């Protein structure tokens, strides 16, 4: 079995910064999302992530403000600003035929349940896969560095994701996380690690 060397923070920071360069669609409840649903229903594997407005004090937790789903040719960033919109999206999340992959998936799914109950099916947590395979990195940034020799930005992680108009930096960050999740799944699958 192949062994993996843990990369230091400095080693990761020396790697080239990469972001998703493909088609990104930001959609809210005022948009017709059916075309994106139809496209995602054709995918076998989807990169998955959510972003939540941070709270810097103890107390109640926010539901996710956005959910990102990456297909082979596009990333969709959904602003979860209505129950109806999330209920429409839950048909993807509950679809057994589509693998959804990401990191810290359990936390994301628990937080999505605050919006509306649904039955999550066919999710793969890449961090758990890495732990099971004794890979020394379990987060998205470390796994991207280890398998692709590039780094992804984490600078927008604690920004206000509930804003009506997301910044270009937020959109790029969100799309990149979902895209890297999809690329990592394909790489781990190719190496028979999933």
N, C-alpha and C. Protein backbone atom coordinates (compact mmCIF):
# COMPACT_ATOMS: atom_id res chain seq x y z
N UNK A 1 0.84 -1.19 0.00
CA UNK A 1 0.00 0.00 0.00
C UNK A 1 0.88 1.24 0.00
N UNK A 2 0.50 2.21 -0.80
CA UNK A 2 1.26 3.46 -0.89
C UNK A 2 1.19 4.23 0.43
N UNK A 3 2.31 4.83 0.81
CA UNK A 3 2.31 5.69 1.99
C UNK A 3 2.35 7.14 1.54
N UNK A 4 1.76 8.00 2.35
CA UNK A 4 1.64 9.42 2.00
C UNK A 4 2.37 10.25 3.05
N UNK A 5 3.13 11.20 2.58
CA UNK A 5 3.89 12.10 3.46
C UNK A 5 3.03 13.30 3.82
N UNK A 6 3.00 13.63 5.09
CA UNK A 6 2.25 14.82 5.52
C UNK A 6 3.00 16.07 5.06
N UNK A 7 2.29 16.98 4.44
CA UNK A 7 2.88 18.24 3.98
C UNK A 7 2.78 19.28 5.09
N UNK A 8 3.81 20.07 5.24
CA UNK A 8 3.77 21.15 6.23
C UNK A 8 2.96 22.32 5.66
N UNK A 9 2.55 23.19 6.55
CA UNK A 9 1.83 24.40 6.13
C UNK A 9 2.68 25.21 5.15
N UNK A 10 3.99 25.32 5.45
CA UNK A 10 4.89 26.05 4.56
C UNK A 10 4.98 25.41 3.17
N UNK A 11 5.05 24.07 3.13
CA UNK A 11 5.11 23.38 1.84
C UNK A 11 3.84 23.64 1.02
N UNK A 12 2.70 23.62 1.69
CA UNK A 12 1.43 23.88 0.98
C UNK A 12 1.41 25.33 0.50
N UNK A 13 1.84 26.26 1.34
CA UNK A 13 1.81 27.69 0.97
C UNK A 13 2.73 28.02 -0.19
N UNK A 14 3.74 27.18 -0.45
CA UNK A 14 4.64 27.40 -1.58
C UNK A 14 4.05 26.91 -2.91
N UNK A 15 2.99 26.14 -2.83
CA UNK A 15 2.38 25.59 -4.06
C UNK A 15 1.58 26.67 -4.79
N UNK A 16 1.43 26.52 -6.11
CA UNK A 16 0.65 27.51 -6.86
C UNK A 16 -0.82 27.51 -6.43
N UNK A 17 -1.38 28.71 -6.39
CA UNK A 17 -2.78 28.89 -6.02
C UNK A 17 -3.65 28.60 -7.24
N UNK A 18 -4.68 27.77 -7.06
CA UNK A 18 -5.55 27.39 -8.16
C UNK A 18 -7.00 27.71 -7.78
N UNK A 19 -7.77 28.14 -8.77
CA UNK A 19 -9.20 28.34 -8.55
C UNK A 19 -9.95 27.78 -9.75
N UNK A 20 -11.22 27.53 -9.55
CA UNK A 20 -12.06 27.01 -10.63
C UNK A 20 -12.22 28.06 -11.71
N UNK A 21 -11.97 27.66 -12.96
CA UNK A 21 -12.01 28.59 -14.08
C UNK A 21 -13.18 28.34 -15.04
N UNK A 22 -14.02 27.37 -14.72
CA UNK A 22 -15.12 27.03 -15.62
C UNK A 22 -16.37 27.86 -15.38
N UNK A 23 -17.49 27.37 -15.89
CA UNK A 23 -18.77 28.08 -15.77
C UNK A 23 -19.29 28.01 -14.34
N UNK A 24 -19.62 29.17 -13.79
CA UNK A 24 -20.19 29.27 -12.44
C UNK A 24 -21.53 29.98 -12.58
N UNK A 25 -22.57 29.38 -12.00
CA UNK A 25 -23.90 29.97 -12.03
C UNK A 25 -24.35 30.21 -10.60
N UNK A 26 -24.62 31.46 -10.25
CA UNK A 26 -25.12 31.81 -8.93
C UNK A 26 -26.63 31.99 -9.05
N UNK A 27 -27.37 31.20 -8.27
CA UNK A 27 -28.83 31.19 -8.38
C UNK A 27 -29.48 31.43 -7.03
N UNK A 28 -30.55 32.21 -7.03
CA UNK A 28 -31.33 32.44 -5.82
C UNK A 28 -32.78 32.10 -6.11
N UNK A 29 -33.65 32.31 -5.13
CA UNK A 29 -35.06 31.93 -5.29
C UNK A 29 -35.76 32.73 -6.40
N UNK A 30 -35.19 33.86 -6.79
CA UNK A 30 -35.82 34.65 -7.88
C UNK A 30 -35.49 34.06 -9.25
N UNK A 31 -34.56 33.11 -9.31
CA UNK A 31 -34.16 32.50 -10.58
C UNK A 31 -34.89 31.17 -10.79
N UNK A 32 -35.02 30.79 -12.05
CA UNK A 32 -35.54 29.47 -12.38
C UNK A 32 -34.38 28.49 -12.29
N UNK A 33 -34.45 27.56 -11.35
CA UNK A 33 -33.33 26.64 -11.13
C UNK A 33 -33.54 25.28 -11.80
N UNK A 34 -34.66 25.11 -12.50
CA UNK A 34 -34.97 23.79 -13.07
C UNK A 34 -33.92 23.33 -14.07
N UNK A 35 -33.37 24.24 -14.88
CA UNK A 35 -32.32 23.85 -15.83
C UNK A 35 -31.10 23.28 -15.13
N UNK A 36 -30.73 23.88 -13.99
CA UNK A 36 -29.57 23.37 -13.24
C UNK A 36 -29.88 22.01 -12.63
N UNK A 37 -31.11 21.83 -12.14
CA UNK A 37 -31.52 20.52 -11.59
C UNK A 37 -31.46 19.46 -12.68
N UNK A 38 -32.01 19.79 -13.85
CA UNK A 38 -32.00 18.83 -14.97
C UNK A 38 -30.57 18.42 -15.33
N UNK A 39 -29.65 19.40 -15.35
CA UNK A 39 -28.26 19.10 -15.65
C UNK A 39 -27.65 18.20 -14.57
N UNK A 40 -27.84 18.56 -13.31
CA UNK A 40 -27.23 17.79 -12.21
C UNK A 40 -27.78 16.37 -12.13
N UNK A 41 -29.03 16.18 -12.52
CA UNK A 41 -29.61 14.83 -12.51
C UNK A 41 -28.95 13.93 -13.56
N UNK A 42 -28.20 14.50 -14.50
CA UNK A 42 -27.49 13.68 -15.51
C UNK A 42 -26.11 13.25 -15.02
N UNK A 43 -25.65 13.77 -13.88
CA UNK A 43 -24.30 13.50 -13.39
C UNK A 43 -24.25 12.24 -12.54
N UNK A 44 -23.15 11.51 -12.63
CA UNK A 44 -22.94 10.34 -11.76
C UNK A 44 -22.34 10.75 -10.42
N UNK A 45 -21.47 11.78 -10.45
CA UNK A 45 -20.80 12.27 -9.24
C UNK A 45 -20.87 13.80 -9.24
N UNK A 46 -21.15 14.36 -8.07
CA UNK A 46 -21.25 15.81 -7.92
C UNK A 46 -20.38 16.24 -6.74
N UNK A 47 -19.59 17.28 -6.93
CA UNK A 47 -18.88 17.89 -5.81
C UNK A 47 -19.86 18.69 -4.97
N UNK A 48 -19.74 18.61 -3.64
CA UNK A 48 -20.74 19.19 -2.74
C UNK A 48 -20.06 19.97 -1.63
N UNK A 49 -20.63 21.12 -1.30
CA UNK A 49 -20.17 21.90 -0.14
C UNK A 49 -21.25 22.89 0.23
N UNK A 50 -21.15 23.43 1.43
CA UNK A 50 -22.04 24.51 1.85
C UNK A 50 -21.19 25.58 2.52
N UNK A 51 -21.74 26.77 2.62
CA UNK A 51 -21.12 27.86 3.37
C UNK A 51 -22.18 28.48 4.26
N UNK A 52 -21.77 28.79 5.48
CA UNK A 52 -22.68 29.31 6.49
C UNK A 52 -22.14 30.62 7.04
N UNK A 53 -23.04 31.57 7.26
CA UNK A 53 -22.62 32.83 7.87
C UNK A 53 -22.06 32.52 9.25
N UNK A 54 -20.81 32.92 9.51
CA UNK A 54 -20.19 32.56 10.79
C UNK A 54 -20.82 33.29 11.97
N UNK A 55 -20.76 32.62 13.11
CA UNK A 55 -21.17 33.23 14.38
C UNK A 55 -19.93 33.18 15.27
N UNK A 56 -19.58 34.30 15.86
CA UNK A 56 -18.36 34.35 16.66
C UNK A 56 -18.63 34.28 18.16
N UNK A 57 -19.86 33.92 18.53
CA UNK A 57 -20.21 33.74 19.94
C UNK A 57 -20.93 32.41 20.09
N UNK A 58 -20.96 31.89 21.32
CA UNK A 58 -21.69 30.65 21.58
C UNK A 58 -23.18 30.91 21.48
N UNK A 59 -23.89 29.90 21.04
CA UNK A 59 -25.33 30.05 20.92
C UNK A 59 -25.86 29.27 19.75
N UNK A 60 -27.01 29.68 19.21
CA UNK A 60 -27.60 28.95 18.09
C UNK A 60 -26.71 28.98 16.85
N UNK A 61 -26.84 27.95 16.05
CA UNK A 61 -26.05 27.81 14.83
C UNK A 61 -26.91 28.26 13.65
N UNK A 62 -26.29 28.90 12.68
CA UNK A 62 -27.00 29.31 11.47
C UNK A 62 -27.16 28.12 10.52
N UNK A 63 -28.23 28.15 9.76
CA UNK A 63 -28.36 27.21 8.65
C UNK A 63 -27.45 27.71 7.52
N UNK A 64 -27.03 26.83 6.62
CA UNK A 64 -26.19 27.27 5.50
C UNK A 64 -26.86 28.36 4.67
N UNK A 65 -26.06 29.31 4.23
CA UNK A 65 -26.55 30.38 3.36
C UNK A 65 -26.47 30.00 1.90
N UNK A 66 -25.46 29.19 1.55
CA UNK A 66 -25.33 28.73 0.17
C UNK A 66 -24.96 27.25 0.14
N UNK A 67 -25.28 26.63 -0.99
CA UNK A 67 -24.85 25.26 -1.25
C UNK A 67 -24.26 25.25 -2.65
N UNK A 68 -23.09 24.61 -2.78
CA UNK A 68 -22.42 24.51 -4.06
C UNK A 68 -22.46 23.08 -4.56
N UNK A 69 -22.83 22.91 -5.81
CA UNK A 69 -22.85 21.59 -6.45
C UNK A 69 -22.08 21.70 -7.76
N UNK A 70 -21.06 20.85 -7.89
CA UNK A 70 -20.19 20.88 -9.07
C UNK A 70 -20.43 19.65 -9.92
N UNK A 71 -20.82 19.90 -11.17
CA UNK A 71 -20.90 18.84 -12.16
C UNK A 71 -19.64 18.87 -13.02
N UNK A 72 -19.62 18.04 -14.02
CA UNK A 72 -18.44 17.93 -14.88
C UNK A 72 -18.14 19.22 -15.64
N UNK A 73 -19.17 19.98 -16.01
CA UNK A 73 -18.96 21.16 -16.86
C UNK A 73 -19.39 22.49 -16.25
N UNK A 74 -19.87 22.48 -15.03
CA UNK A 74 -20.34 23.73 -14.41
C UNK A 74 -20.46 23.55 -12.90
N UNK A 75 -20.35 24.67 -12.20
CA UNK A 75 -20.61 24.69 -10.76
C UNK A 75 -21.78 25.63 -10.51
N UNK A 76 -22.71 25.15 -9.69
CA UNK A 76 -23.89 25.94 -9.32
C UNK A 76 -23.76 26.35 -7.86
N UNK A 77 -23.88 27.64 -7.61
CA UNK A 77 -23.85 28.19 -6.26
C UNK A 77 -25.27 28.65 -5.97
N UNK A 78 -25.94 27.93 -5.08
CA UNK A 78 -27.33 28.23 -4.75
C UNK A 78 -27.41 29.05 -3.47
N UNK A 79 -28.03 30.21 -3.55
CA UNK A 79 -28.29 31.01 -2.36
C UNK A 79 -29.59 30.47 -1.75
N UNK A 80 -29.46 29.90 -0.58
CA UNK A 80 -30.58 29.20 0.04
C UNK A 80 -31.48 30.19 0.77
N UNK A 81 -32.17 31.02 -0.01
CA UNK A 81 -32.96 32.10 0.57
C UNK A 81 -34.46 31.81 0.62
N UNK A 82 -34.85 30.56 0.37
CA UNK A 82 -36.26 30.19 0.53
C UNK A 82 -36.37 28.68 0.77
N UNK A 83 -37.38 28.30 1.55
CA UNK A 83 -37.62 26.88 1.83
C UNK A 83 -37.96 26.13 0.54
N UNK A 84 -38.73 26.77 -0.32
CA UNK A 84 -39.15 26.13 -1.57
C UNK A 84 -37.94 25.77 -2.44
N UNK A 85 -36.98 26.68 -2.49
CA UNK A 85 -35.78 26.42 -3.28
C UNK A 85 -35.03 25.20 -2.73
N UNK A 86 -34.84 25.15 -1.42
CA UNK A 86 -34.11 24.02 -0.84
C UNK A 86 -34.87 22.72 -1.06
N UNK A 87 -36.19 22.76 -0.92
CA UNK A 87 -36.97 21.54 -1.14
C UNK A 87 -36.80 21.03 -2.58
N UNK A 88 -36.70 21.94 -3.53
CA UNK A 88 -36.44 21.56 -4.92
C UNK A 88 -35.06 20.92 -5.05
N UNK A 89 -34.08 21.52 -4.39
CA UNK A 89 -32.71 20.98 -4.45
C UNK A 89 -32.57 19.64 -3.72
N UNK A 90 -33.42 19.38 -2.76
CA UNK A 90 -33.28 18.15 -1.98
C UNK A 90 -33.47 16.90 -2.85
N UNK A 91 -34.12 17.04 -4.02
CA UNK A 91 -34.24 15.87 -4.91
C UNK A 91 -32.87 15.41 -5.40
N UNK A 92 -31.90 16.32 -5.49
CA UNK A 92 -30.53 15.93 -5.83
C UNK A 92 -29.89 15.25 -4.62
N UNK A 93 -30.05 15.86 -3.45
CA UNK A 93 -29.41 15.36 -2.23
C UNK A 93 -29.95 14.00 -1.81
N UNK A 94 -31.19 13.69 -2.20
CA UNK A 94 -31.81 12.42 -1.83
C UNK A 94 -31.73 11.37 -2.94
N UNK A 95 -31.08 11.71 -4.04
CA UNK A 95 -31.01 10.80 -5.18
C UNK A 95 -29.91 9.75 -4.95
N UNK A 96 -30.32 8.48 -4.89
CA UNK A 96 -29.38 7.39 -4.62
C UNK A 96 -28.41 7.14 -5.77
N UNK A 97 -28.80 7.53 -6.99
CA UNK A 97 -27.98 7.23 -8.17
C UNK A 97 -26.85 8.23 -8.38
N UNK A 98 -26.86 9.35 -7.65
CA UNK A 98 -25.83 10.37 -7.80
C UNK A 98 -24.98 10.42 -6.55
N UNK A 99 -23.67 10.18 -6.70
CA UNK A 99 -22.75 10.29 -5.58
C UNK A 99 -22.45 11.77 -5.35
N UNK A 100 -22.60 12.21 -4.10
CA UNK A 100 -22.25 13.57 -3.71
C UNK A 100 -21.03 13.48 -2.82
N UNK A 101 -19.96 14.24 -3.14
CA UNK A 101 -18.72 14.10 -2.39
C UNK A 101 -18.24 15.47 -1.89
N UNK A 102 -17.65 15.45 -0.71
CA UNK A 102 -17.12 16.66 -0.11
C UNK A 102 -16.34 16.32 1.14
N UNK A 103 -16.00 17.34 1.91
CA UNK A 103 -15.28 17.16 3.18
C UNK A 103 -16.16 17.70 4.30
N UNK A 104 -16.15 17.01 5.45
CA UNK A 104 -17.02 17.37 6.59
C UNK A 104 -18.49 17.36 6.18
N UNK A 105 -18.85 16.37 5.43
CA UNK A 105 -20.20 16.24 4.88
C UNK A 105 -21.25 16.12 5.99
N UNK A 106 -20.96 15.37 7.04
CA UNK A 106 -21.94 15.18 8.11
C UNK A 106 -22.38 16.51 8.70
N UNK A 107 -21.42 17.39 8.95
CA UNK A 107 -21.74 18.70 9.52
C UNK A 107 -22.63 19.49 8.56
N UNK A 108 -22.27 19.48 7.27
CA UNK A 108 -23.06 20.19 6.27
C UNK A 108 -24.49 19.66 6.22
N UNK A 109 -24.65 18.35 6.27
CA UNK A 109 -25.98 17.75 6.19
C UNK A 109 -26.81 18.08 7.42
N UNK A 110 -26.20 18.04 8.59
CA UNK A 110 -26.91 18.42 9.82
C UNK A 110 -27.40 19.86 9.72
N UNK A 111 -26.53 20.75 9.25
CA UNK A 111 -26.90 22.16 9.14
C UNK A 111 -27.98 22.36 8.08
N UNK A 112 -27.95 21.59 6.98
CA UNK A 112 -29.00 21.71 5.96
C UNK A 112 -30.35 21.27 6.49
N UNK A 113 -30.36 20.35 7.45
CA UNK A 113 -31.62 19.90 8.06
C UNK A 113 -32.33 21.05 8.77
N UNK A 114 -31.61 22.09 9.16
CA UNK A 114 -32.26 23.26 9.78
C UNK A 114 -33.20 23.94 8.78
N UNK A 115 -32.91 23.82 7.49
CA UNK A 115 -33.75 24.43 6.46
C UNK A 115 -35.02 23.63 6.24
N UNK A 116 -34.86 22.32 6.10
CA UNK A 116 -36.01 21.44 5.85
C UNK A 116 -35.52 20.00 5.94
N UNK A 117 -36.28 19.12 6.59
CA UNK A 117 -35.85 17.71 6.66
C UNK A 117 -35.80 17.08 5.27
N UNK A 118 -34.81 16.23 5.05
CA UNK A 118 -34.70 15.48 3.80
C UNK A 118 -33.93 14.21 4.08
N UNK A 119 -33.89 13.31 3.10
CA UNK A 119 -33.24 12.02 3.26
C UNK A 119 -31.94 12.00 2.45
N UNK A 120 -30.79 12.33 3.09
CA UNK A 120 -29.54 12.36 2.32
C UNK A 120 -29.12 10.95 1.89
N UNK A 121 -28.78 10.81 0.62
CA UNK A 121 -28.38 9.51 0.07
C UNK A 121 -27.11 9.64 -0.75
N UNK A 122 -26.27 8.62 -0.70
CA UNK A 122 -25.10 8.48 -1.57
C UNK A 122 -24.09 9.60 -1.39
N UNK A 123 -23.79 9.96 -0.13
CA UNK A 123 -22.77 10.95 0.17
C UNK A 123 -21.46 10.26 0.53
N UNK A 124 -20.35 10.82 0.08
CA UNK A 124 -19.02 10.32 0.41
C UNK A 124 -18.24 11.47 1.04
N UNK A 125 -17.75 11.24 2.26
CA UNK A 125 -16.92 12.23 2.93
C UNK A 125 -15.46 11.91 2.61
N UNK A 126 -14.83 12.77 1.84
CA UNK A 126 -13.45 12.53 1.40
C UNK A 126 -12.47 12.58 2.57
N UNK A 127 -12.79 13.35 3.61
CA UNK A 127 -11.95 13.37 4.81
C UNK A 127 -11.99 12.03 5.52
N UNK A 128 -13.18 11.43 5.62
CA UNK A 128 -13.30 10.10 6.23
C UNK A 128 -12.58 9.05 5.39
N UNK A 129 -12.70 9.16 4.07
CA UNK A 129 -11.99 8.24 3.17
C UNK A 129 -10.49 8.35 3.41
N UNK A 130 -9.99 9.58 3.53
CA UNK A 130 -8.55 9.78 3.78
C UNK A 130 -8.13 9.15 5.11
N UNK A 131 -8.93 9.34 6.16
CA UNK A 131 -8.62 8.73 7.46
C UNK A 131 -8.57 7.21 7.35
N UNK A 132 -9.56 6.63 6.68
CA UNK A 132 -9.63 5.17 6.53
C UNK A 132 -8.44 4.62 5.76
N UNK A 133 -7.88 5.40 4.86
CA UNK A 133 -6.75 4.97 4.02
C UNK A 133 -5.41 5.45 4.58
N UNK A 134 -5.42 5.96 5.80
CA UNK A 134 -4.20 6.44 6.49
C UNK A 134 -3.49 7.55 5.71
N UNK A 135 -4.28 8.37 5.02
CA UNK A 135 -3.75 9.54 4.34
C UNK A 135 -3.64 10.64 5.38
N UNK A 136 -2.48 11.31 5.50
CA UNK A 136 -2.25 12.21 6.63
C UNK A 136 -3.01 13.55 6.58
N UNK A 137 -3.68 13.85 5.49
CA UNK A 137 -4.49 15.07 5.40
C UNK A 137 -5.95 14.68 5.27
N UNK A 138 -6.83 15.42 5.97
CA UNK A 138 -8.26 15.10 5.95
C UNK A 138 -9.11 16.27 5.48
N UNK A 139 -8.51 17.46 5.39
CA UNK A 139 -9.22 18.63 4.92
C UNK A 139 -9.02 18.84 3.43
N UNK A 140 -9.89 19.65 2.85
CA UNK A 140 -9.86 19.87 1.40
C UNK A 140 -8.54 20.49 0.94
N UNK A 141 -8.04 21.48 1.69
CA UNK A 141 -6.81 22.16 1.29
C UNK A 141 -5.61 21.20 1.29
N UNK A 142 -5.48 20.42 2.36
CA UNK A 142 -4.38 19.47 2.47
C UNK A 142 -4.46 18.36 1.43
N UNK A 143 -5.67 17.86 1.18
CA UNK A 143 -5.84 16.80 0.18
C UNK A 143 -5.54 17.31 -1.22
N UNK A 144 -5.97 18.54 -1.53
CA UNK A 144 -5.68 19.13 -2.84
C UNK A 144 -4.17 19.27 -3.03
N UNK A 145 -3.49 19.71 -1.99
CA UNK A 145 -2.03 19.87 -2.07
C UNK A 145 -1.35 18.51 -2.26
N UNK A 146 -1.78 17.53 -1.50
CA UNK A 146 -1.16 16.20 -1.55
C UNK A 146 -1.35 15.52 -2.91
N UNK A 147 -2.55 15.60 -3.46
CA UNK A 147 -2.85 14.85 -4.68
C UNK A 147 -2.63 15.65 -5.96
N UNK A 148 -2.70 16.99 -5.89
CA UNK A 148 -2.61 17.79 -7.11
C UNK A 148 -1.44 18.78 -7.11
N UNK A 149 -0.74 18.88 -5.99
CA UNK A 149 0.39 19.82 -5.88
C UNK A 149 -0.01 21.26 -6.14
N UNK A 150 -1.18 21.64 -5.69
CA UNK A 150 -1.59 23.04 -5.71
C UNK A 150 -2.35 23.34 -4.42
N UNK A 151 -2.50 24.62 -4.17
CA UNK A 151 -3.25 25.02 -2.97
C UNK A 151 -4.49 25.78 -3.39
N UNK A 152 -5.49 25.70 -2.52
CA UNK A 152 -6.71 26.47 -2.73
C UNK A 152 -6.81 27.50 -1.62
N UNK A 153 -7.41 28.62 -1.95
CA UNK A 153 -7.55 29.71 -0.99
C UNK A 153 -8.61 29.38 0.04
N UNK A 154 -8.35 29.78 1.27
CA UNK A 154 -9.36 29.66 2.33
C UNK A 154 -9.68 31.05 2.89
N UNK A 155 -9.37 32.09 2.13
CA UNK A 155 -9.49 33.46 2.63
C UNK A 155 -10.94 33.93 2.82
N UNK A 156 -11.88 33.36 2.08
CA UNK A 156 -13.27 33.82 2.20
C UNK A 156 -14.10 32.97 3.15
N UNK A 157 -13.48 32.00 3.81
CA UNK A 157 -14.23 31.05 4.64
C UNK A 157 -15.14 31.72 5.66
N UNK A 158 -14.65 32.75 6.34
CA UNK A 158 -15.44 33.37 7.40
C UNK A 158 -16.13 34.66 6.96
N UNK A 159 -16.40 34.81 5.68
CA UNK A 159 -17.09 36.01 5.20
C UNK A 159 -18.60 35.84 5.40
N UNK A 160 -19.35 36.89 5.14
CA UNK A 160 -20.80 36.87 5.32
C UNK A 160 -21.47 36.24 4.09
N UNK A 161 -21.80 34.97 4.21
CA UNK A 161 -22.38 34.22 3.10
C UNK A 161 -23.86 34.51 2.92
N UNK A 162 -24.46 35.23 3.85
CA UNK A 162 -25.89 35.52 3.73
C UNK A 162 -26.17 36.79 2.92
N UNK A 163 -25.12 37.46 2.46
CA UNK A 163 -25.31 38.68 1.66
C UNK A 163 -26.11 38.38 0.40
N UNK A 164 -26.98 39.32 0.04
CA UNK A 164 -27.80 39.12 -1.15
C UNK A 164 -26.94 39.05 -2.40
N UNK A 165 -25.90 39.89 -2.47
CA UNK A 165 -24.97 39.88 -3.62
C UNK A 165 -23.61 39.41 -3.11
N UNK A 166 -23.23 38.22 -3.52
CA UNK A 166 -21.93 37.67 -3.13
C UNK A 166 -20.83 38.36 -3.92
N UNK A 167 -19.66 38.51 -3.29
CA UNK A 167 -18.52 39.11 -3.99
C UNK A 167 -17.93 38.10 -4.98
N UNK A 168 -17.16 38.59 -5.93
CA UNK A 168 -16.47 37.70 -6.87
C UNK A 168 -15.56 36.73 -6.13
N UNK A 169 -14.90 37.21 -5.07
CA UNK A 169 -14.03 36.35 -4.26
C UNK A 169 -14.81 35.23 -3.59
N UNK A 170 -15.98 35.54 -3.05
CA UNK A 170 -16.82 34.51 -2.43
C UNK A 170 -17.27 33.48 -3.46
N UNK A 171 -17.71 33.96 -4.60
CA UNK A 171 -18.19 33.04 -5.65
C UNK A 171 -17.07 32.11 -6.11
N UNK A 172 -15.88 32.67 -6.33
CA UNK A 172 -14.74 31.86 -6.76
C UNK A 172 -14.37 30.83 -5.69
N UNK A 173 -14.32 31.27 -4.45
CA UNK A 173 -14.00 30.38 -3.32
C UNK A 173 -14.99 29.23 -3.25
N UNK A 174 -16.29 29.56 -3.30
CA UNK A 174 -17.34 28.55 -3.17
C UNK A 174 -17.28 27.55 -4.32
N UNK A 175 -17.14 28.04 -5.54
CA UNK A 175 -17.08 27.16 -6.71
C UNK A 175 -15.85 26.27 -6.66
N UNK A 176 -14.73 26.83 -6.24
CA UNK A 176 -13.48 26.07 -6.18
C UNK A 176 -13.60 24.90 -5.21
N UNK A 177 -14.19 25.14 -4.03
CA UNK A 177 -14.32 24.06 -3.05
C UNK A 177 -15.13 22.89 -3.60
N UNK A 178 -16.25 23.17 -4.27
CA UNK A 178 -17.08 22.09 -4.81
C UNK A 178 -16.36 21.38 -5.96
N UNK A 179 -15.69 22.15 -6.82
CA UNK A 179 -14.94 21.58 -7.95
C UNK A 179 -13.79 20.69 -7.46
N UNK A 180 -13.04 21.17 -6.47
CA UNK A 180 -11.92 20.38 -5.95
C UNK A 180 -12.44 19.08 -5.32
N UNK A 181 -13.58 19.14 -4.66
CA UNK A 181 -14.17 17.92 -4.09
C UNK A 181 -14.45 16.89 -5.19
N UNK A 182 -15.01 17.35 -6.30
CA UNK A 182 -15.28 16.45 -7.42
C UNK A 182 -13.98 15.89 -8.00
N UNK A 183 -12.99 16.75 -8.20
CA UNK A 183 -11.70 16.30 -8.75
C UNK A 183 -11.00 15.32 -7.81
N UNK A 184 -11.09 15.56 -6.51
CA UNK A 184 -10.48 14.65 -5.54
C UNK A 184 -11.16 13.29 -5.57
N UNK A 185 -12.48 13.29 -5.64
CA UNK A 185 -13.19 12.01 -5.72
C UNK A 185 -12.72 11.22 -6.93
N UNK A 186 -12.62 11.88 -8.07
CA UNK A 186 -12.18 11.19 -9.30
C UNK A 186 -10.78 10.64 -9.13
N UNK A 187 -9.89 11.42 -8.51
CA UNK A 187 -8.51 10.98 -8.29
C UNK A 187 -8.45 9.79 -7.34
N UNK A 188 -9.19 9.87 -6.23
CA UNK A 188 -9.20 8.76 -5.26
C UNK A 188 -9.83 7.52 -5.86
N UNK A 189 -10.84 7.70 -6.68
CA UNK A 189 -11.49 6.58 -7.35
C UNK A 189 -10.52 5.92 -8.34
N UNK A 190 -9.79 6.75 -9.07
CA UNK A 190 -8.80 6.26 -10.04
C UNK A 190 -7.72 5.43 -9.33
N UNK A 191 -7.37 5.81 -8.12
CA UNK A 191 -6.35 5.09 -7.35
C UNK A 191 -6.94 4.02 -6.44
N UNK A 192 -8.23 3.69 -6.68
CA UNK A 192 -8.94 2.66 -5.91
C UNK A 192 -8.93 2.93 -4.41
N UNK A 193 -9.10 4.18 -4.03
CA UNK A 193 -9.10 4.56 -2.62
C UNK A 193 -10.51 4.86 -2.11
N UNK A 194 -11.49 4.98 -3.01
CA UNK A 194 -12.88 5.26 -2.59
C UNK A 194 -13.65 3.98 -2.55
